[in-house]
Structures are given as structure tokens and as C-alpha cells.
Protein backbone atom coordinates (compact mmCIF):
# COMPACT_ATOMS: atom_id res chain seq x y z
CA MET A 1 93.87 -6.55 145.10
CA LYS A 2 92.13 -9.32 147.15
CA THR A 3 93.61 -12.32 149.10
CA ILE A 4 91.58 -15.69 148.49
CA ASN A 5 92.25 -18.89 150.26
CA PHE A 6 91.47 -22.61 149.21
CA ARG A 7 91.31 -26.04 150.77
CA THR A 8 93.33 -28.37 148.34
CA ASN A 9 94.48 -31.84 147.82
CA ILE A 10 98.03 -30.81 147.45
CA ARG A 11 100.22 -32.98 149.70
CA ASN A 12 103.73 -32.13 149.57
CA LYS A 13 106.66 -30.14 148.11
CA GLU A 14 106.76 -32.14 144.73
CA GLU A 15 103.27 -31.31 144.28
CA VAL A 16 104.08 -27.82 144.85
CA THR A 17 106.32 -27.85 142.19
CA LYS A 18 104.03 -29.43 139.68
CA LEU A 19 101.71 -26.47 140.48
CA LYS A 20 104.23 -23.85 140.41
CA PRO A 21 104.28 -23.27 136.23
CA TYR A 22 100.50 -22.98 136.62
CA LEU A 23 100.26 -20.37 139.12
CA ASP A 24 102.92 -18.33 137.57
CA ASN A 25 101.51 -18.37 134.12
CA ILE A 26 98.57 -16.41 135.67
CA ASN A 27 99.37 -12.52 135.16
CA GLU A 28 96.91 -11.22 137.73
CA ILE A 29 98.41 -13.42 140.53
CA ILE A 30 100.70 -11.23 142.54
CA ASP A 31 101.85 -13.72 145.06
CA TRP A 32 100.89 -17.11 145.93
CA ASN A 33 101.82 -19.39 149.19
CA ILE A 34 100.61 -23.08 150.10
CA ASN A 35 100.95 -24.65 153.70
CA THR A 36 101.10 -28.32 153.22
CA GLU A 37 101.55 -29.14 157.15
CA GLU A 38 97.89 -27.53 157.70
CA ALA A 39 95.13 -30.02 157.63
CA GLY A 40 93.25 -28.28 154.65
CA LYS A 41 96.43 -27.77 152.73
CA VAL A 42 95.43 -24.26 152.23
CA LEU A 43 96.66 -22.27 149.11
CA THR A 44 96.56 -18.27 149.77
CA VAL A 45 96.27 -16.27 146.56
CA LYS A 46 97.11 -12.58 146.06
CA LEU A 47 95.03 -11.32 143.13
CA ASP A 48 94.76 -8.45 141.21
CA GLY A 49 92.08 -8.11 138.51
CA ALA A 50 90.93 -11.62 138.11
CA ASP A 51 88.60 -13.82 140.42
CA SER A 52 88.76 -17.12 142.20
CA LYS A 53 87.31 -19.22 139.25
CA VAL A 54 90.27 -18.40 137.33
CA VAL A 55 92.36 -19.84 140.13
CA ALA A 56 90.16 -22.85 140.77
CA GLN A 57 90.12 -23.63 137.03
CA THR A 58 93.86 -23.57 137.05
CA LEU A 59 93.87 -26.14 140.07
CA PHE A 60 91.82 -28.27 138.02
CA ASN A 61 93.77 -28.25 134.94
CA ALA A 62 97.18 -29.16 137.32
CA GLY A 63 95.24 -32.28 138.43
CA PHE A 64 94.13 -30.82 141.81
CA ARG A 65 91.07 -30.23 143.76
CA SER A 66 90.05 -26.98 145.44
CA GLU A 67 87.12 -25.42 147.20
CA GLU A 68 87.35 -21.89 148.17
CA ILE A 69 87.05 -20.95 151.57
CA ILE A 70 84.35 -18.20 152.34
CA PRO A 71 84.91 -16.36 155.22
CA ALA A 72 81.30 -16.71 157.74
CA TRP A 73 80.70 -13.08 157.21
CA LYS A 74 80.98 -13.16 153.50
CA ARG A 75 78.26 -16.05 153.60
CA VAL A 76 76.05 -14.19 156.09
CA LEU A 77 75.75 -11.15 153.97
CA LYS A 78 75.09 -13.33 150.42
CA LYS A 79 72.34 -15.20 152.09
CA THR A 80 70.94 -11.64 153.43
CA PHE A 81 71.00 -9.59 150.23
CA THR A 82 69.98 -12.55 147.86
CA ARG A 83 66.89 -13.45 149.78
CA ASP A 84 63.69 -12.74 147.96
CA CYS A 85 62.15 -9.83 149.97
CA CYS A 86 58.87 -9.30 148.49
CA SER A 87 57.34 -12.64 148.12
């Protein structure tokens, strides 16, 4: 199981209600929550066996924008291990 966070443009409870059937339809989502009071309107999703692309595509299909929030330590590791060390 992994937890992924997204910044979204979901503004209020009515839009959360619109999104609910889309997210509830994904079997790999164990739980999800969105805080519309935060500046980034952060959606937190707990997944089992799916990746962030599935959730991002679902948000897009529901008519919303999203951007995965990648922790700083993951960005550093990605840069470190994807450099071409032998050139």
C-alpha cells in the first residue's frame, strides 16, 4: 500500500461530490480524502497495486486538474540515480 498526494483545483464540497463516484470506481483505492480548506486543495489517496497515473487520469476524466506532490527526498533520489555516470 502506498499513499500519494495531489494538488487539485477542487474548490468545494459540491465538486468533491462530483468526483466521488469516479474515485470510488477504482478498486485499487483503499481510501481517499481531500482538504478543500488548504491552499493546494490536497487530495490524499491510499492505493494498493495501482500507480499515480491512474488517479491523475481519473481526476482529468472527472474534469479536474491535478499535480502529484513528490516529496523532496524522492526528487533527489530520482536525480541521483538517473544521471549518466559514465559520460
